[in-house]
Every structure is written in C-alpha cells, then in structure tokens.
C-alpha cells in the first residue's frame, strides 16, 4: 500500500451509490431477459436464480444508502430503461447471448469490486465484507454464464466488449451523478 493510499480515506458514499446502481441495473437486465425468455428453459431457470441473488444485493445496498444517508444516483431512471433493454436485446439474440451479457457484466463487476476492496483496506469492515461476499456470487454468475455457453454467443468478442465498455461507463457516471 502506498503512502497516499494509507492516508486517503476512501469515498464510501460514492462506492455505495455506484454499487446500488449496479445491482439495480443487474435486476433490470435479468427482468428484460426473463420477459423475453419466459421461465421454461434451463437458461431461464439460471437467470431467475441469479436474479434473486441480485435482488438480495440490491436490498443490502438500499439499506446502506438509507443507513448512511448516501444520495442514490440521479441516473437510476436511465439505468431502469437501459438495463431492461440490454437484457431484452441480448435474450432476443438467444440464450447464449443472454449468458454472454451476464459474463461481460460480471467480469467488469469482479474488476470493480476488487478495486473497491483494495481502496477500502481495513477502513470499513462492514462494507468490505458485503462487497467481498457479493463479489463471490458475481463470479459464480460469470462462471454459470460460461457453463451455459456465453462464449459461443454470436459475435461474442464484439458483444462482450461492448457490454463491458458500457459497464465501465455506467460505473464512472454513477459514481458522480
């Protein structure tokens, strides 16, 4: 840890805001996918299971926003529509594209949560424990998506790259607005 990191206090409000926005976006992506896929396929069963975990993550970040007086992102109405649209669009391409969406999102979330854990260090054990626990579940989602053929989706490198870039942009915007 550098000297600067050792003395700088992490912006936990921004972390909670962006994480709440991300979990909200994930619930909207899965809602869009379920609206297209229905409930009968194997992929739909996995998506429904992962969506339940995302709902639990969102509930925890909603609780932290309330407890710590953190302002939620002003972009939530946009994430509502954008998340649902992304989920529906990828599901319309097919189940493997829907899984590619999960793979891409969770790959970026893993990177994002790892950065947050490094920034937090020992400064906020409660938040760090939540993030670490959720990170493990997000990695499980990524691995589930891969086991269900995410990397066999049409134009996977392009689709994955575009979704990952969108995630990075959403993270940066939600930190600030």
C-alpha atoms as a PDB file:
ATOM      1  CA  UNK A   1       0.000   0.000   0.000  1.00  0.00           C
ATOM      2  CA  UNK A   2       1.415   3.360  -0.963  1.00  0.00           C
ATOM      3  CA  UNK A   3       1.740   6.226   1.455  1.00  0.00           C
ATOM      4  CA  UNK A   4      -1.054   8.062  -0.350  1.00  0.00           C
ATOM      5  CA  UNK A   5      -3.420   5.101  -0.053  1.00  0.00           C
ATOM      6  CA  UNK A   6      -2.571   4.722   3.594  1.00  0.00           C
ATOM      7  CA  UNK A   7      -3.686   8.267   4.435  1.00  0.00           C
ATOM      8  CA  UNK A   8      -6.513   8.862   1.953  1.00  0.00           C
ATOM      9  CA  UNK A   9      -9.955   7.877   3.181  1.00  0.00           C
ATOM     10  CA  UNK A  10     -11.964   6.005   0.547  1.00  0.00           C
ATOM     11  CA  UNK A  11     -15.177   7.666  -0.655  1.00  0.00           C
ATOM     12  CA  UNK A  12     -17.563   5.053   0.700  1.00  0.00           C
ATOM     13  CA  UNK A  13     -20.596   7.142  -0.244  1.00  0.00           C
ATOM     14  CA  UNK A  14     -19.607   7.010  -3.891  1.00  0.00           C
ATOM     15  CA  UNK A  15     -18.900   3.283  -3.568  1.00  0.00           C
ATOM     16  CA  UNK A  16     -22.319   2.580  -2.094  1.00  0.00           C
ATOM     17  CA  UNK A  17     -24.031   4.783  -4.699  1.00  0.00           C
ATOM     18  CA  UNK A  18     -22.370   3.056  -7.646  1.00  0.00           C
ATOM     19  CA  UNK A  19     -22.846  -0.423  -6.184  1.00  0.00           C
ATOM     20  CA  UNK A  20     -26.537   0.200  -5.527  1.00  0.00           C
ATOM     21  CA  UNK A  21     -26.903   1.479  -9.103  1.00  0.00           C
ATOM     22  CA  UNK A  22     -25.083  -1.558 -10.465  1.00  0.00           C
ATOM     23  CA  UNK A  23     -27.181  -4.030  -8.530  1.00  0.00           C
ATOM     24  CA  UNK A  24     -30.313  -2.186  -9.641  1.00  0.00           C
ATOM     25  CA  UNK A  25     -29.104  -2.360 -13.245  1.00  0.00           C
ATOM     26  CA  UNK A  26     -28.463  -6.099 -12.880  1.00  0.00           C
ATOM     27  CA  UNK A  27     -32.021  -6.700 -11.664  1.00  0.00           C
ATOM     28  CA  UNK A  28     -33.301  -4.771 -14.682  1.00  0.00           C
ATOM     29  CA  UNK A  29     -31.101  -6.753 -17.108  1.00  0.00           C
ATOM     30  CA  UNK A  30     -32.430 -10.010 -15.722  1.00  0.00           C
ATOM     31  CA  UNK A  31     -36.011  -8.698 -15.838  1.00  0.00           C
ATOM     32  CA  UNK A  32     -35.552  -7.908 -19.533  1.00  0.00           C
ATOM     33  CA  UNK A  33     -34.107 -11.339 -20.204  1.00  0.00           C
ATOM     34  CA  UNK A  34     -36.915 -13.091 -18.341  1.00  0.00           C
ATOM     35  CA  UNK A  35     -39.539 -11.055 -20.238  1.00  0.00           C
ATOM     36  CA  UNK A  36     -38.164 -12.486 -23.488  1.00  0.00           C
ATOM     37  CA  UNK A  37     -37.077 -15.973 -22.424  1.00  0.00           C
ATOM     38  CA  UNK A  38     -40.016 -16.834 -20.207  1.00  0.00           C
ATOM     39  CA  UNK A  39     -39.494 -19.337 -17.431  1.00  0.00           C
ATOM     40  CA  UNK A  40     -39.219 -22.770 -19.004  1.00  0.00           C
ATOM     41  CA  UNK A  41     -35.689 -23.080 -20.403  1.00  0.00           C
ATOM     42  CA  UNK A  42     -32.602 -24.123 -18.487  1.00  0.00           C
ATOM     43  CA  UNK A  43     -31.114 -20.678 -19.106  1.00  0.00           C
ATOM     44  CA  UNK A  44     -34.244 -19.014 -17.728  1.00  0.00           C
ATOM     45  CA  UNK A  45     -34.001 -21.092 -14.538  1.00  0.00           C
ATOM     46  CA  UNK A  46     -30.394 -19.998 -14.035  1.00  0.00           C
ATOM     47  CA  UNK A  47     -31.249 -16.381 -14.811  1.00  0.00           C
ATOM     48  CA  UNK A  48     -34.095 -16.447 -12.288  1.00  0.00           C
ATOM     49  CA  UNK A  49     -31.750 -17.859  -9.634  1.00  0.00           C
ATOM     50  CA  UNK A  50     -29.100 -15.235 -10.334  1.00  0.00           C
ATOM     51  CA  UNK A  51     -31.758 -12.501 -10.362  1.00  0.00           C
ATOM     52  CA  UNK A  52     -32.815 -13.499  -6.837  1.00  0.00           C
ATOM     53  CA  UNK A  53     -29.243 -13.041  -5.625  1.00  0.00           C
ATOM     54  CA  UNK A  54     -29.054  -9.637  -7.340  1.00  0.00           C
ATOM     55  CA  UNK A  55     -32.290  -8.630  -5.582  1.00  0.00           C
ATOM     56  CA  UNK A  56     -30.656  -9.524  -2.264  1.00  0.00           C
ATOM     57  CA  UNK A  57     -27.557  -7.485  -3.153  1.00  0.00           C
ATOM     58  CA  UNK A  58     -29.764  -4.543  -4.134  1.00  0.00           C
ATOM     59  CA  UNK A  59     -31.712  -4.753  -0.881  1.00  0.00           C
ATOM     60  CA  UNK A  60     -28.458  -4.576   1.085  1.00  0.00           C
ATOM     61  CA  UNK A  61     -27.192  -1.541  -0.815  1.00  0.00           C
ATOM     62  CA  UNK A  62     -30.617   0.104  -0.471  1.00  0.00           C
ATOM     63  CA  UNK A  63     -30.267  -0.450   3.284  1.00  0.00           C
ATOM     64  CA  UNK A  64     -26.759   1.047   3.317  1.00  0.00           C
ATOM     65  CA  UNK A  65     -27.963   4.082   1.339  1.00  0.00           C
ATOM     66  CA  UNK A  66     -30.663   4.673   3.929  1.00  0.00           C
ATOM     67  CA  UNK A  67     -28.479   3.990   6.987  1.00  0.00           C
ATOM     68  CA  UNK A  68     -25.552   6.103   5.821  1.00  0.00           C
ATOM     69  CA  UNK A  69     -27.503   8.899   4.174  1.00  0.00           C
ATOM     70  CA  UNK A  70     -25.971   8.336   0.745  1.00  0.00           C
ATOM     71  CA  UNK A  71     -27.605  10.030  -2.217  1.00  0.00           C
ATOM     72  CA  UNK A  72     -28.634   7.446  -4.835  1.00  0.00           C
ATOM     73  CA  UNK A  73     -27.592   8.035  -8.412  1.00  0.00           C
ATOM     74  CA  UNK A  74     -29.665  10.554 -10.343  1.00  0.00           C
ATOM     75  CA  UNK A  75     -29.282   8.208 -13.333  1.00  0.00           C
ATOM     76  CA  UNK A  76     -31.493   5.462 -11.890  1.00  0.00           C
ATOM     77  CA  UNK A  77     -34.390   6.156 -14.307  1.00  0.00           C
ATOM     78  CA  UNK A  78     -31.939   5.739 -17.183  1.00  0.00           C
ATOM     79  CA  UNK A  79     -30.465   2.520 -15.717  1.00  0.00           C
ATOM     80  CA  UNK A  80     -34.028   1.215 -15.343  1.00  0.00           C
ATOM     81  CA  UNK A  81     -34.686   1.508 -19.078  1.00  0.00           C
ATOM     82  CA  UNK A  82     -31.155   0.756 -20.278  1.00  0.00           C
ATOM     83  CA  UNK A  83     -30.828  -2.358 -18.113  1.00  0.00           C
ATOM     84  CA  UNK A  84     -34.167  -3.797 -19.218  1.00  0.00           C
ATOM     85  CA  UNK A  85     -33.405  -3.004 -22.868  1.00  0.00           C
ATOM     86  CA  UNK A  86     -29.969  -4.646 -22.669  1.00  0.00           C
ATOM     87  CA  UNK A  87     -31.460  -7.743 -21.081  1.00  0.00           C
ATOM     88  CA  UNK A  88     -34.290  -7.992 -23.602  1.00  0.00           C
ATOM     89  CA  UNK A  89     -32.000  -7.338 -26.578  1.00  0.00           C
ATOM     90  CA  UNK A  90     -29.478  -9.983 -25.588  1.00  0.00           C
ATOM     91  CA  UNK A  91     -32.244 -12.509 -24.892  1.00  0.00           C
ATOM     92  CA  UNK A  92     -33.776 -11.781 -28.306  1.00  0.00           C
ATOM     93  CA  UNK A  93     -30.455 -12.764 -29.872  1.00  0.00           C
ATOM     94  CA  UNK A  94     -30.639 -16.041 -27.944  1.00  0.00           C
ATOM     95  CA  UNK A  95     -29.929 -17.767 -24.656  1.00  0.00           C
ATOM     96  CA  UNK A  96     -26.175 -17.815 -25.250  1.00  0.00           C
ATOM     97  CA  UNK A  97     -26.186 -14.059 -25.921  1.00  0.00           C
ATOM     98  CA  UNK A  98     -28.146 -13.544 -22.695  1.00  0.00           C
ATOM     99  CA  UNK A  99     -25.455 -15.540 -20.912  1.00  0.00           C
ATOM    100  CA  UNK A 100     -22.757 -13.522 -22.726  1.00  0.00           C
ATOM    101  CA  UNK A 101     -24.333 -10.411 -21.226  1.00  0.00           C
ATOM    102  CA  UNK A 102     -24.022 -11.885 -17.729  1.00  0.00           C
ATOM    103  CA  UNK A 103     -20.455 -13.000 -18.446  1.00  0.00           C
ATOM    104  CA  UNK A 104     -19.450  -9.497 -19.592  1.00  0.00           C
ATOM    105  CA  UNK A 105     -21.214  -7.647 -16.775  1.00  0.00           C
ATOM    106  CA  UNK A 106     -19.854  -9.923 -14.072  1.00  0.00           C
ATOM    107  CA  UNK A 107     -16.330  -9.743 -15.485  1.00  0.00           C
ATOM    108  CA  UNK A 108     -16.437  -5.965 -15.084  1.00  0.00           C
ATOM    109  CA  UNK A 109     -18.108  -6.157 -11.670  1.00  0.00           C
ATOM    110  CA  UNK A 110     -15.380  -8.506 -10.452  1.00  0.00           C
ATOM    111  CA  UNK A 111     -12.756  -5.960 -11.523  1.00  0.00           C
ATOM    112  CA  UNK A 112     -14.767  -3.106  -9.972  1.00  0.00           C
ATOM    113  CA  UNK A 113     -15.339  -4.884  -6.638  1.00  0.00           C
ATOM    114  CA  UNK A 114     -11.657  -5.893  -6.468  1.00  0.00           C
ATOM    115  CA  UNK A 115     -10.662  -2.227  -6.876  1.00  0.00           C
ATOM    116  CA  UNK A 116     -13.109  -1.190  -4.171  1.00  0.00           C
ATOM    117  CA  UNK A 117     -11.810  -3.819  -1.753  1.00  0.00           C
ATOM    118  CA  UNK A 118      -8.262  -2.602  -2.348  1.00  0.00           C
ATOM    119  CA  UNK A 119      -9.319   1.017  -1.739  1.00  0.00           C
ATOM    120  CA  UNK A 120     -11.235   0.113   1.410  1.00  0.00           C
ATOM    121  CA  UNK A 121      -8.491  -1.911   3.048  1.00  0.00           C
ATOM    122  CA  UNK A 122      -9.417  -2.058   6.748  1.00  0.00           C
ATOM    123  CA  UNK A 123     -11.242   1.285   6.799  1.00  0.00           C
ATOM    124  CA  UNK A 124     -14.827  -0.061   6.590  1.00  0.00           C
ATOM    125  CA  UNK A 125     -15.025  -3.753   7.536  1.00  0.00           C
ATOM    126  CA  UNK A 126     -18.828  -3.906   7.196  1.00  0.00           C
ATOM    127  CA  UNK A 127     -18.852  -2.578   3.628  1.00  0.00           C
ATOM    128  CA  UNK A 128     -15.800  -4.639   2.674  1.00  0.00           C
ATOM    129  CA  UNK A 129     -17.474  -7.826   3.923  1.00  0.00           C
ATOM    130  CA  UNK A 130     -20.612  -7.113   1.870  1.00  0.00           C
ATOM    131  CA  UNK A 131     -18.587  -6.360  -1.252  1.00  0.00           C
ATOM    132  CA  UNK A 132     -16.414  -9.469  -0.817  1.00  0.00           C
ATOM    133  CA  UNK A 133     -19.465 -11.698  -0.350  1.00  0.00           C
ATOM    134  CA  UNK A 134     -21.267 -10.206  -3.345  1.00  0.00           C
ATOM    135  CA  UNK A 135     -18.114 -10.430  -5.459  1.00  0.00           C
ATOM    136  CA  UNK A 136     -18.004 -14.192  -4.865  1.00  0.00           C
ATOM    137  CA  UNK A 137     -21.617 -14.513  -6.019  1.00  0.00           C
ATOM    138  CA  UNK A 138     -20.947 -12.339  -9.073  1.00  0.00           C
ATOM    139  CA  UNK A 139     -18.039 -14.610 -10.001  1.00  0.00           C
ATOM    140  CA  UNK A 140     -20.372 -17.579  -9.622  1.00  0.00           C
ATOM    141  CA  UNK A 141     -22.779 -15.847 -12.041  1.00  0.00           C
ATOM    142  CA  UNK A 142     -19.955 -15.335 -14.542  1.00  0.00           C
ATOM    143  CA  UNK A 143     -18.956 -18.991 -14.268  1.00  0.00           C
ATOM    144  CA  UNK A 144     -22.585 -20.096 -14.636  1.00  0.00           C
ATOM    145  CA  UNK A 145     -22.899 -17.991 -17.783  1.00  0.00           C
ATOM    146  CA  UNK A 146     -19.753 -19.564 -19.203  1.00  0.00           C
ATOM    147  CA  UNK A 147     -21.017 -23.053 -18.374  1.00  0.00           C
ATOM    148  CA  UNK A 148     -24.173 -22.203 -20.334  1.00  0.00           C
ATOM    149  CA  UNK A 149     -22.288 -21.229 -23.486  1.00  0.00           C
ATOM    150  CA  UNK A 150     -21.778 -17.494 -23.124  1.00  0.00           C
ATOM    151  CA  UNK A 151     -18.603 -17.592 -25.191  1.00  0.00           C
ATOM    152  CA  UNK A 152     -20.457 -19.382 -28.013  1.00  0.00           C
ATOM    153  CA  UNK A 153     -22.826 -16.438 -28.500  1.00  0.00           C
ATOM    154  CA  UNK A 154     -22.915 -14.819 -31.942  1.00  0.00           C
ATOM    155  CA  UNK A 155     -20.152 -12.209 -32.249  1.00  0.00           C
ATOM    156  CA  UNK A 156     -19.118 -12.889 -28.642  1.00  0.00           C
ATOM    157  CA  UNK A 157     -15.960 -10.726 -28.642  1.00  0.00           C
ATOM    158  CA  UNK A 158     -17.846  -7.737 -30.032  1.00  0.00           C
ATOM    159  CA  UNK A 159     -20.904  -8.258 -27.816  1.00  0.00           C
ATOM    160  CA  UNK A 160     -18.829  -8.815 -24.689  1.00  0.00           C
ATOM    161  CA  UNK A 161     -16.536  -5.878 -25.424  1.00  0.00           C
ATOM    162  CA  UNK A 162     -19.447  -3.501 -25.989  1.00  0.00           C
ATOM    163  CA  UNK A 163     -21.228  -4.582 -22.798  1.00  0.00           C
ATOM    164  CA  UNK A 164     -18.035  -4.348 -20.738  1.00  0.00           C
ATOM    165  CA  UNK A 165     -17.356  -0.837 -22.079  1.00  0.00           C
ATOM    166  CA  UNK A 166     -20.930   0.131 -21.215  1.00  0.00           C
ATOM    167  CA  UNK A 167     -20.450  -1.201 -17.691  1.00  0.00           C
ATOM    168  CA  UNK A 168     -17.279   0.812 -17.199  1.00  0.00           C
ATOM    169  CA  UNK A 169     -19.082   3.942 -18.396  1.00  0.00           C
ATOM    170  CA  UNK A 170     -22.081   3.259 -16.141  1.00  0.00           C
ATOM    171  CA  UNK A 171     -19.758   2.804 -13.153  1.00  0.00           C
ATOM    172  CA  UNK A 172     -17.982   6.110 -13.762  1.00  0.00           C
ATOM    173  CA  UNK A 173     -21.220   8.026 -14.340  1.00  0.00           C
ATOM    174  CA  UNK A 174     -22.945   6.541 -11.287  1.00  0.00           C
ATOM    175  CA  UNK A 175     -20.019   7.471  -9.034  1.00  0.00           C
ATOM    176  CA  UNK A 176     -20.553  11.124  -9.889  1.00  0.00           C
ATOM    177  CA  UNK A 177     -24.233  11.676 -10.655  1.00  0.00           C
END
